[in-house]
Amino acid sequence: MDVPDPEKHSGASSGADTPTAAGENPAAEAQVRPSAVDAAPVEPPAKAEEQPPAPPDGGVLAWLQVLGSFFLFMNSWGLVNTYGVYQTYYELELLRNRTPSEISWVGSLQACLLLVVGVATGPLFDLGYFNLLLWTGSFLVVFGMMMTSLCTQYWQVMLAQGLVVGLGFGCLFVPSVAIVSTYFTTRKAFATGVAASGSSLGGVIYTITFSRLQPRIGFPWATRVVAFLALAGLCLCCAVMRVRVLPKSVRRLLEPRAFLEVPYTMFTVGQFVGTMGMWVPFYYINSYAIQAAGVDTNLGFYLVTILNATSILGRLVPNYFADKTGPLNIMTPAALCSAVLAFAWIGIRSTAGLIVFCVLYGFTSGSFVSLPAPTVVTLTPSLNVLGARMGMSFSLAGIGILIGNPIGGAILTSSGWVGLQCWAGATILAAAVASLVARFAKNPKLLGKA
C-alpha cells in the first residue's frame, strides 16, 4: 500500500527521495541545493576580474614612471627648447649664408613632428607596442643627433636634426604623456607637471652643455656629447617604465563633432595660434641679445638657459593649482601675461632687462607645455573620445609651431626685430582671448572651476 504514494508524488519529490534513502538529513540537502545553484553562474565574478585595478596614486613604481616620463620630456621637449642655441650658432657660423627663417624651419619641423607623429602613434600604444615606440624613438633621437654632428650643409641639418630627431620625438611623445595618467588619480595634474618639468631641465642642461663645449671642442663633438647625455637618460626610461593597463579599444584619430562644442573649439584655436608665437623668444632671444642689444656672446647663449630654468616652476606651480581651480583658469592669465611680456620685449635693450624678461617669460609660458593635456581632459565628456580630441588639438598645435617660427623669421628679415616681437605678442594675445572665451563657455561663473 505504500507503492502508490511514491508514484503519485514522483514528479514533486523524486529529487528528495535519493538522499532520504541514503540516510542524509533533508535539511542538509536543502542547504546544499542553493549553493549548487549559486555556483553555476560564474560570469559576475569573471566580469569583476576583468576590471583593471584602481591606479595606485603613488608608491615606488608609480613615481618611477614619473621619473621615466621626466627623462622622456627632457629628451624630447628639452631638446626642442635647446634649439635656440643651435639657431644662433647656425646663423653666425655653420649656415651663415641662410636666412633666420630658413634655419628656424629645422627646429619647427622637430616640434611639429613631435606632436603630429605622436598623435599618429597613439593607436600603436593602444595595441600594446609601448616598448617598440620607446626603443624606436630613443634610437632615432640619439642617431639623429649623432648624424647632426657630421652635418656641414643646410639640407643635411634638415634631414638629421629636423626629420630624424623629430620622428624620434614623435615616437616618445605618447609614452611620455600616457603612462603617468594610468598611475595617478587625485594628483594626476601635479604628477604630469613634475614629468613635464623635465623639458625645462633638459633645456637648461643641453643649452649649457652646447654653449660651453662648442667653443672648446667644436660643433661636432659638442653635439655628440649632447647625444650621449640623451642616450643615458633614454636608457633609464627603457629600464624603469612599465605599462600598467592598456585601453580597452584602439583610439579614434578623429572626432569632428568635437568642433561643434565652443569650449573645445576655442581652446584648440588658442593652441594653434598661441604656439605660432610662444616659442619665438626661445628661438630668437640669443640672436637678439647678441645682434641687437650688444650682449656679450657668452652671456647671450645663457638667456635660453634662464628661460628654461624658470619654466620649471612654470610647469610645477600652475599644475599644482590646476587640480583645484581648473586648468583654463590658469592657462588664460598665463597666456595674457606672456603676451604682455612679448610686447614689453620691444623696449628691452639692456642685459639686465633681458635677464628679467627671460625669468618672467619662462615662468608664464611654462603652462603651454604642461597644461594642454589636463585641459583637454576637462573638455571631454567621455574618455572614449579623449585620445581623438587630444590628437586633434595637439596636431593643430604642431602645425602652429611648424609655421610660426619661420613666419617670424621672415618678418625679422623684412621688418626687423620689432616686427618679430609684435608677431609673438599678437599671436599669444589672440591665444589668450580664445582661451578666455573657452573658459566662460565652459563655466559662465566668474569664480567657477574650469
Protein backbone atom coordinates (compact mmCIF):
# COMPACT_ATOMS: atom_id res chain seq x y z
CA MET A 1 0.00 0.00 0.00
CA ASP A 2 2.96 2.24 0.18
CA VAL A 3 3.80 1.83 -3.52
CA PRO A 4 1.20 4.24 -4.97
CA ASP A 5 2.46 7.11 -2.78
CA PRO A 6 5.90 7.50 -4.44
CA GLU A 7 4.30 7.14 -7.88
CA LYS A 8 1.77 9.85 -7.01
CA HIS A 9 4.43 12.27 -5.80
CA SER A 10 7.29 11.24 -8.07
CA GLY A 11 7.12 14.47 -10.05
CA ALA A 12 7.33 16.60 -6.94
CA SER A 13 9.64 14.72 -4.66
CA SER A 14 11.83 12.43 -6.75
CA GLY A 15 14.80 14.70 -6.12
CA ALA A 16 14.31 14.30 -2.34
CA ASP A 17 13.90 10.51 -2.37
CA THR A 18 17.50 9.70 -3.15
CA PRO A 19 19.16 11.49 -0.21
CA THR A 20 16.49 10.20 2.15
CA ALA A 21 17.20 6.70 1.04
CA ALA A 22 20.86 7.30 1.59
CA GLY A 23 20.11 8.28 5.16
CA GLU A 24 21.06 12.01 4.78
CA ASN A 25 19.37 14.90 6.59
CA PRO A 26 16.80 16.65 4.37
CA ALA A 27 17.75 19.98 5.99
CA ALA A 28 21.32 19.47 4.91
CA GLU A 29 20.14 18.71 1.40
CA ALA A 30 18.19 21.96 1.38
CA GLN A 31 21.35 23.83 2.29
CA VAL A 32 23.40 22.12 -0.42
CA ARG A 33 20.95 22.81 -3.24
CA PRO A 34 21.09 26.65 -3.15
CA SER A 35 24.89 26.57 -3.04
CA ALA A 36 24.95 24.36 -6.14
CA VAL A 37 22.60 26.74 -7.93
CA ASP A 38 24.64 29.76 -6.86
CA ALA A 39 27.84 28.12 -8.05
CA ALA A 40 26.51 27.68 -11.58
CA PRO A 41 26.51 31.32 -12.79
CA VAL A 42 30.21 32.20 -12.65
CA GLU A 43 30.07 35.20 -15.00
CA PRO A 44 29.66 38.02 -12.43
CA PRO A 45 32.95 37.24 -10.67
CA ALA A 46 34.64 36.87 -14.04
CA LYS A 47 33.38 40.31 -15.08
CA ALA A 48 34.68 41.80 -11.85
CA GLU A 49 38.09 40.30 -12.53
CA GLU A 50 38.17 41.96 -15.97
CA GLN A 51 38.07 45.40 -14.43
CA PRO A 52 41.59 46.91 -14.13
CA PRO A 53 42.75 47.68 -10.60
CA ALA A 54 42.47 51.25 -9.40
CA PRO A 55 45.52 53.46 -10.00
CA PRO A 56 47.89 53.35 -7.01
CA ASP A 57 48.07 57.18 -6.92
CA GLY A 58 51.60 56.90 -5.53
CA GLY A 59 54.18 54.37 -4.46
CA VAL A 60 57.62 53.49 -5.77
CA LEU A 61 56.50 52.05 -9.11
CA ALA A 62 54.21 54.99 -9.83
CA TRP A 63 56.91 57.57 -9.12
CA LEU A 64 59.37 55.58 -11.21
CA GLN A 65 57.01 56.16 -14.14
CA VAL A 66 57.09 59.88 -13.37
CA LEU A 67 60.90 59.66 -13.38
CA GLY A 68 60.88 57.86 -16.71
CA SER A 69 58.42 60.33 -18.18
CA PHE A 70 60.58 63.16 -16.80
CA PHE A 71 63.52 61.92 -18.88
CA LEU A 72 61.31 61.43 -21.93
CA PHE A 73 60.25 65.08 -21.71
CA MET A 74 63.87 66.03 -21.09
CA ASN A 75 64.98 64.31 -24.30
CA SER A 76 62.09 65.47 -26.46
CA TRP A 77 60.72 68.88 -25.48
CA GLY A 78 64.02 69.61 -23.69
CA LEU A 79 65.91 69.32 -26.97
CA VAL A 80 63.23 71.38 -28.72
CA ASN A 81 63.76 74.11 -26.11
CA THR A 82 67.51 73.89 -26.74
CA TYR A 83 67.23 74.70 -30.42
CA GLY A 84 67.67 78.42 -29.74
CA VAL A 85 71.43 77.97 -29.20
CA TYR A 86 71.67 75.93 -32.40
CA GLN A 87 69.72 78.64 -34.24
CA THR A 88 72.24 81.26 -33.11
CA TYR A 89 75.23 79.08 -33.94
CA TYR A 90 73.87 78.27 -37.40
CA GLU A 91 73.21 81.96 -38.11
CA LEU A 92 76.70 83.01 -37.02
CA GLU A 93 78.79 80.04 -38.15
CA LEU A 94 77.67 76.85 -39.87
CA LEU A 95 74.80 78.18 -42.01
CA ARG A 96 75.59 81.90 -42.16
CA ASN A 97 74.52 82.01 -45.82
CA ARG A 98 70.95 81.06 -44.82
CA THR A 99 68.23 83.38 -43.51
CA PRO A 100 66.89 83.10 -39.94
CA SER A 101 63.56 81.94 -41.38
CA GLU A 102 65.20 79.08 -43.28
CA ILE A 103 67.19 77.99 -40.25
CA SER A 104 64.16 78.08 -37.96
CA TRP A 105 62.43 75.51 -40.18
CA VAL A 106 64.71 72.85 -38.67
CA GLY A 107 63.56 73.45 -35.10
CA SER A 108 59.97 73.98 -36.17
CA LEU A 109 59.95 70.65 -38.02
CA GLN A 110 61.24 68.93 -34.86
CA ALA A 111 58.45 70.33 -32.72
CA CYS A 112 55.76 69.71 -35.33
CA LEU A 113 56.74 66.07 -35.78
CA LEU A 114 56.80 65.63 -32.01
CA LEU A 115 53.11 66.46 -31.81
CA VAL A 116 51.77 65.19 -35.15
CA VAL A 117 53.67 61.88 -35.25
CA GLY A 118 52.95 61.44 -31.55
CA VAL A 119 49.23 61.52 -32.29
CA ALA A 120 49.58 59.08 -35.19
CA THR A 121 51.44 56.58 -32.99
CA GLY A 122 48.68 56.66 -30.37
CA PRO A 123 46.91 53.57 -31.79
CA LEU A 124 50.21 51.66 -31.65
CA PHE A 125 50.39 52.43 -27.95
CA ASP A 126 46.80 51.22 -27.53
CA LEU A 127 47.71 47.95 -29.24
CA GLY A 128 50.49 47.28 -26.73
CA TYR A 129 53.53 48.43 -28.70
CA PHE A 130 54.82 50.64 -25.90
CA ASN A 131 58.32 49.15 -25.84
CA LEU A 132 58.59 49.36 -29.63
CA LEU A 133 57.77 53.07 -29.53
CA LEU A 134 60.15 53.67 -26.64
CA TRP A 135 63.12 51.88 -28.20
CA THR A 136 62.50 53.20 -31.71
CA GLY A 137 62.14 56.78 -30.51
CA SER A 138 65.25 56.53 -28.35
CA PHE A 139 67.29 55.19 -31.26
CA LEU A 140 66.09 57.88 -33.69
CA VAL A 141 66.83 60.72 -31.26
CA VAL A 142 70.37 59.55 -30.49
CA PHE A 143 71.11 58.53 -34.10
CA GLY A 144 69.76 61.83 -35.44
CA MET A 145 71.89 63.90 -33.06
CA MET A 146 74.97 61.86 -33.96
CA MET A 147 74.31 62.48 -37.64
CA THR A 148 73.77 66.18 -36.91
CA SER A 149 77.32 66.33 -35.58
CA LEU A 150 78.55 65.35 -39.07
CA CYS A 151 76.47 67.92 -40.96
CA THR A 152 78.05 70.75 -42.94
CA GLN A 153 75.15 71.80 -45.20
CA TYR A 154 71.61 73.00 -44.66
CA TRP A 155 69.84 70.02 -46.23
CA GLN A 156 71.87 67.65 -44.07
CA VAL A 157 70.86 69.50 -40.90
CA MET A 158 67.23 69.48 -42.02
CA LEU A 159 67.26 65.71 -42.55
CA ALA A 160 69.21 64.74 -39.42
CA GLN A 161 68.15 67.26 -36.77
CA GLY A 162 64.79 68.18 -38.25
CA LEU A 163 63.39 64.96 -39.70
CA VAL A 164 65.12 62.03 -37.95
CA VAL A 165 65.24 63.59 -34.48
CA GLY A 166 61.70 64.91 -34.92
CA LEU A 167 60.40 61.44 -35.78
CA GLY A 168 62.11 60.13 -32.66
CA PHE A 169 60.40 62.80 -30.58
CA GLY A 170 57.06 61.73 -32.07
CA CYS A 171 57.60 58.10 -31.02
CA LEU A 172 58.38 59.21 -27.45
CA PHE A 173 55.51 61.67 -27.09
CA VAL A 174 52.65 59.26 -26.36
CA PRO A 175 54.61 57.23 -23.75
CA SER A 176 55.63 60.46 -22.03
CA VAL A 177 52.04 61.68 -21.53
CA ALA A 178 50.06 58.41 -21.37
CA ILE A 179 51.87 56.36 -18.75
CA VAL A 180 51.70 58.80 -15.82
CA SER A 181 47.92 59.24 -16.06
CA THR A 182 47.37 55.49 -15.54
CA TYR A 183 49.19 55.54 -12.19
CA PHE A 184 47.58 58.62 -10.56
CA THR A 185 44.11 59.94 -9.82
CA THR A 186 43.90 62.87 -7.39
CA ARG A 187 47.48 64.00 -8.08
CA LYS A 188 47.38 63.48 -11.85
CA ALA A 189 47.96 67.10 -12.91
CA PHE A 190 50.75 67.57 -10.38
CA ALA A 191 52.49 64.33 -11.42
CA THR A 192 52.17 65.41 -15.06
CA GLY A 193 53.70 68.77 -14.14
CA VAL A 194 56.65 67.08 -12.44
CA ALA A 195 57.22 64.96 -15.55
CA ALA A 196 56.83 67.95 -17.88
CA SER A 197 59.42 69.91 -15.90
CA GLY A 198 61.96 67.54 -17.43
CA SER A 199 61.65 69.55 -20.64
CA SER A 200 62.81 72.67 -18.83
CA LEU A 201 65.69 70.93 -17.08
CA GLY A 202 66.71 69.39 -20.39
CA GLY A 203 66.71 72.84 -21.94
CA VAL A 204 68.97 74.07 -19.14
CA ILE A 205 71.43 71.16 -19.27
CA TYR A 206 71.69 70.85 -23.04
CA THR A 207 71.94 74.60 -23.59
CA ILE A 208 74.80 74.94 -21.11
CA THR A 209 76.49 71.81 -22.46
CA PHE A 210 76.48 73.01 -26.06
CA SER A 211 77.31 76.63 -25.23
CA ARG A 212 80.31 75.73 -23.07
CA LEU A 213 81.70 72.91 -25.18
CA GLN A 214 81.24 74.25 -28.68
CA PRO A 215 83.96 76.95 -28.44
CA ARG A 216 86.38 74.45 -26.85
CA ILE A 217 85.91 71.19 -28.72
CA GLY A 218 83.94 72.32 -31.75
CA PHE A 219 80.42 71.80 -33.04
CA PRO A 220 80.74 68.08 -33.91
CA TRP A 221 81.87 66.87 -30.50
CA ALA A 222 79.66 69.29 -28.57
CA THR A 223 76.66 67.81 -30.39
CA ARG A 224 77.91 64.25 -29.74
CA VAL A 225 78.14 64.97 -26.03
CA VAL A 226 74.51 66.11 -26.10
CA ALA A 227 73.66 62.85 -27.89
CA PHE A 228 75.48 60.76 -25.28
CA LEU A 229 73.64 62.53 -22.45
CA ALA A 230 70.35 61.83 -24.23
CA LEU A 231 71.37 58.18 -24.62
CA ALA A 232 71.95 57.85 -20.87
CA GLY A 233 68.58 59.38 -19.99
CA LEU A 234 66.66 57.33 -22.54
CA CYS A 235 68.30 54.10 -21.35
CA LEU A 236 66.98 54.88 -17.87
CA CYS A 237 63.48 55.32 -19.34
CA CYS A 238 63.68 51.93 -21.02
CA ALA A 239 64.76 50.36 -17.73
CA VAL A 240 62.05 51.72 -15.39
CA MET A 241 58.91 52.42 -17.45
CA ARG A 242 56.15 49.79 -17.41
CA VAL A 243 52.63 49.76 -18.84
CA ARG A 244 50.06 49.29 -16.06
CA VAL A 245 46.89 49.00 -18.15
CA LEU A 246 46.09 49.40 -21.83
CA PRO A 247 42.93 50.99 -23.28
CA LYS A 248 40.11 48.54 -23.99
CA SER A 249 39.93 49.65 -27.62
CA VAL A 250 42.11 51.42 -30.14
CA ARG A 251 41.51 55.14 -30.03
CA ARG A 252 39.98 57.02 -32.93
CA LEU A 253 42.20 59.52 -34.69
CA LEU A 254 39.38 62.00 -35.39
CA GLU A 255 36.17 63.14 -33.73
CA PRO A 256 34.87 66.02 -35.88
CA ARG A 257 31.80 66.55 -33.66
CA ALA A 258 34.10 67.99 -31.00
CA PHE A 259 34.35 71.19 -33.05
CA LEU A 260 30.64 71.76 -32.51
CA GLU A 261 31.44 72.47 -28.85
CA VAL A 262 32.51 76.06 -28.21
CA PRO A 263 34.88 75.40 -25.26
CA TYR A 264 36.90 72.74 -27.09
CA THR A 265 36.93 74.64 -30.39
CA MET A 266 38.13 77.90 -28.86
CA PHE A 267 40.75 76.16 -26.75
CA THR A 268 42.11 74.36 -29.83
CA VAL A 269 42.13 77.60 -31.84
CA GLY A 270 44.04 79.20 -28.98
CA GLN A 271 46.58 76.37 -29.04
CA PHE A 272 47.07 76.71 -32.80
CA VAL A 273 47.52 80.48 -32.72
CA GLY A 274 49.48 80.58 -29.47
CA THR A 275 52.10 78.05 -30.50
CA MET A 276 52.89 80.20 -33.55
CA GLY A 277 54.34 82.85 -31.25
CA MET A 278 55.01 81.21 -27.89
CA TRP A 279 58.37 79.70 -28.93
CA VAL A 280 59.66 82.81 -30.74
CA PRO A 281 61.67 84.02 -27.70
CA PHE A 282 63.13 80.53 -27.19
CA TYR A 283 64.40 80.52 -30.79
CA TYR A 284 65.47 84.15 -31.22
CA ILE A 285 66.37 85.61 -27.81
CA ASN A 286 70.04 84.68 -28.16
CA SER A 287 70.36 86.24 -31.61
CA TYR A 288 68.51 89.36 -30.45
CA ALA A 289 70.75 89.77 -27.41
CA ILE A 290 73.97 89.43 -29.41
CA GLN A 291 72.97 91.28 -32.59
CA ALA A 292 70.57 93.98 -31.37
CA ALA A 293 71.27 94.53 -27.66
CA GLY A 294 75.05 94.17 -27.77
CA VAL A 295 75.16 91.48 -25.09
CA ASP A 296 78.38 89.51 -24.77
CA THR A 297 78.25 86.31 -26.82
CA ASN A 298 78.94 84.03 -23.86
CA LEU A 299 76.17 85.60 -21.79
CA GLY A 300 73.82 85.70 -24.76
CA PHE A 301 73.87 81.91 -25.06
CA TYR A 302 72.75 81.62 -21.42
CA LEU A 303 69.50 83.53 -21.95
CA VAL A 304 67.82 80.38 -23.29
CA THR A 305 69.12 78.61 -20.19
CA ILE A 306 67.40 81.20 -18.00
CA LEU A 307 64.17 80.79 -19.96
CA ASN A 308 64.23 77.04 -19.44
CA ALA A 309 65.27 77.23 -15.78
CA THR A 310 62.39 79.48 -14.75
CA SER A 311 59.91 77.50 -16.83
CA ILE A 312 60.50 74.57 -14.44
CA LEU A 313 58.46 76.49 -11.87
CA GLY A 314 56.13 77.49 -14.69
CA ARG A 315 55.25 73.82 -15.11
CA LEU A 316 55.06 72.80 -11.45
CA VAL A 317 53.23 75.70 -9.79
CA PRO A 318 50.39 76.10 -12.35
CA ASN A 319 49.74 72.35 -12.41
CA TYR A 320 49.50 72.25 -8.63
CA PHE A 321 46.76 74.88 -8.63
CA ALA A 322 45.10 73.49 -11.77
CA ASP A 323 43.92 70.47 -9.77
CA LYS A 324 41.98 72.87 -7.55
CA THR A 325 40.84 75.71 -9.83
CA GLY A 326 40.69 74.05 -13.25
CA PRO A 327 43.34 74.34 -15.99
CA LEU A 328 41.63 77.03 -18.06
CA ASN A 329 41.62 79.35 -15.04
CA ILE A 330 45.41 79.02 -15.01
CA MET A 331 46.21 78.98 -18.73
CA THR A 332 44.21 82.10 -19.57
CA PRO A 333 46.01 84.57 -17.27
CA ALA A 334 49.34 82.88 -18.01
CA ALA A 335 48.85 83.44 -21.75
CA LEU A 336 47.81 87.05 -21.14
CA CYS A 337 50.93 87.71 -19.07
CA SER A 338 53.10 86.09 -21.75
CA ALA A 339 51.55 88.37 -24.39
CA VAL A 340 52.24 91.47 -22.28
CA LEU A 341 55.85 90.38 -21.79
CA ALA A 342 56.28 89.71 -25.52
CA PHE A 343 55.19 93.27 -26.31
CA ALA A 344 57.41 94.60 -23.50
CA TRP A 345 60.34 92.83 -25.16
CA ILE A 346 60.25 95.57 -27.82
CA GLY A 347 61.63 98.15 -25.39
CA ILE A 348 64.31 95.99 -23.75
CA ARG A 349 67.87 96.84 -24.76
CA SER A 350 69.94 96.16 -21.64
CA THR A 351 71.44 92.95 -20.34
CA ALA A 352 69.63 93.27 -17.00
CA GLY A 353 66.33 93.87 -18.75
CA LEU A 354 66.75 90.78 -20.94
CA ILE A 355 67.55 88.63 -17.91
CA VAL A 356 64.40 89.85 -16.11
CA PHE A 357 62.37 89.25 -19.28
CA CYS A 358 63.67 85.68 -19.56
CA VAL A 359 62.89 84.96 -15.90
CA LEU A 360 59.31 86.20 -16.17
CA TYR A 361 58.56 84.85 -19.64
CA GLY A 362 59.98 81.44 -18.80
CA PHE A 363 57.59 81.18 -15.86
CA THR A 364 54.43 82.40 -17.61
CA SER A 365 54.99 80.32 -20.75
CA GLY A 366 55.58 77.08 -18.85
CA SER A 367 51.91 76.17 -18.72
CA PHE A 368 51.77 75.92 -22.53
CA VAL A 369 53.57 72.58 -22.28
CA SER A 370 52.23 71.16 -19.03
CA LEU A 371 48.52 72.12 -19.06
CA PRO A 372 47.07 71.41 -22.53
CA ALA A 373 46.60 67.68 -21.81
CA PRO A 374 44.74 68.21 -18.48
CA THR A 375 42.68 70.92 -20.18
CA VAL A 376 41.51 68.60 -22.95
CA VAL A 377 40.51 66.07 -20.29
CA THR A 378 38.19 68.62 -18.66
CA LEU A 379 36.67 69.48 -22.06
CA THR A 380 35.93 65.86 -22.98
CA PRO A 381 32.59 64.34 -21.91
CA SER A 382 33.70 60.72 -22.39
CA LEU A 383 37.07 59.04 -22.06
CA ASN A 384 36.21 57.01 -25.15
CA VAL A 385 36.96 60.05 -27.33
CA LEU A 386 39.73 61.57 -25.21
CA GLY A 387 42.51 60.26 -27.44
CA ALA A 388 40.88 61.62 -30.58
CA ARG A 389 40.25 65.04 -29.08
CA MET A 390 43.74 65.29 -27.65
CA GLY A 391 45.14 64.21 -31.01
CA MET A 392 43.27 66.85 -32.97
CA SER A 393 44.26 69.60 -30.54
CA PHE A 394 47.93 68.59 -30.47
CA SER A 395 48.06 68.21 -34.28
CA LEU A 396 46.85 71.76 -34.81
CA ALA A 397 49.31 72.98 -32.18
CA GLY A 398 52.06 71.15 -34.08
CA ILE A 399 51.11 72.91 -37.30
CA GLY A 400 51.21 76.20 -35.40
CA ILE A 401 54.75 75.50 -34.22
CA LEU A 402 55.77 74.40 -37.72
CA ILE A 403 54.78 77.65 -39.43
CA GLY A 404 55.07 80.14 -36.57
CA ASN A 405 58.82 80.47 -36.17
CA PRO A 406 59.60 80.55 -39.92
CA ILE A 407 56.95 83.25 -40.35
CA GLY A 408 58.63 85.13 -37.50
CA GLY A 409 61.99 84.72 -39.22
CA ALA A 410 60.59 86.07 -42.48
CA ILE A 411 59.13 89.06 -40.62
CA LEU A 412 62.54 89.60 -38.98
CA THR A 413 64.22 89.69 -42.38
CA SER A 414 61.71 92.14 -43.86
CA SER A 415 60.70 94.31 -40.87
CA GLY A 416 63.40 93.89 -38.22
CA TRP A 417 63.22 92.86 -34.60
CA VAL A 418 60.17 94.97 -33.74
CA GLY A 419 58.13 93.13 -36.36
CA LEU A 420 59.18 89.76 -34.91
CA GLN A 421 58.34 90.87 -31.36
CA CYS A 422 54.93 92.19 -32.45
CA TRP A 423 54.26 88.87 -34.20
CA ALA A 424 54.99 86.97 -30.98
CA GLY A 425 52.90 89.32 -28.84
CA ALA A 426 49.92 89.39 -31.22
CA THR A 427 49.67 85.61 -31.61
CA ILE A 428 49.95 84.97 -27.88
CA LEU A 429 47.37 87.68 -27.16
CA ALA A 430 44.99 86.03 -29.64
CA ALA A 431 45.55 82.73 -27.82
CA ALA A 432 44.72 84.40 -24.50
CA VAL A 433 41.43 85.76 -25.92
CA ALA A 434 40.48 82.36 -27.34
CA SER A 435 41.30 80.71 -24.01
CA LEU A 436 39.16 83.29 -22.20
CA VAL A 437 36.19 82.52 -24.48
CA ALA A 438 36.67 78.79 -23.89
CA ARG A 439 36.82 79.32 -20.14
CA PHE A 440 33.50 81.22 -19.91
CA ALA A 441 31.84 78.96 -22.46
CA LYS A 442 32.64 76.03 -20.17
CA ASN A 443 31.60 77.76 -16.95
CA PRO A 444 29.97 81.24 -17.07
CA LYS A 445 30.52 81.79 -13.35
CA LEU A 446 33.34 84.25 -12.69
CA LEU A 447 34.81 82.23 -9.83
CA GLY A 448 33.75 78.82 -11.12
CA LYS A 449 36.11 75.93 -11.76
CA ALA A 450 37.02 75.47 -15.41
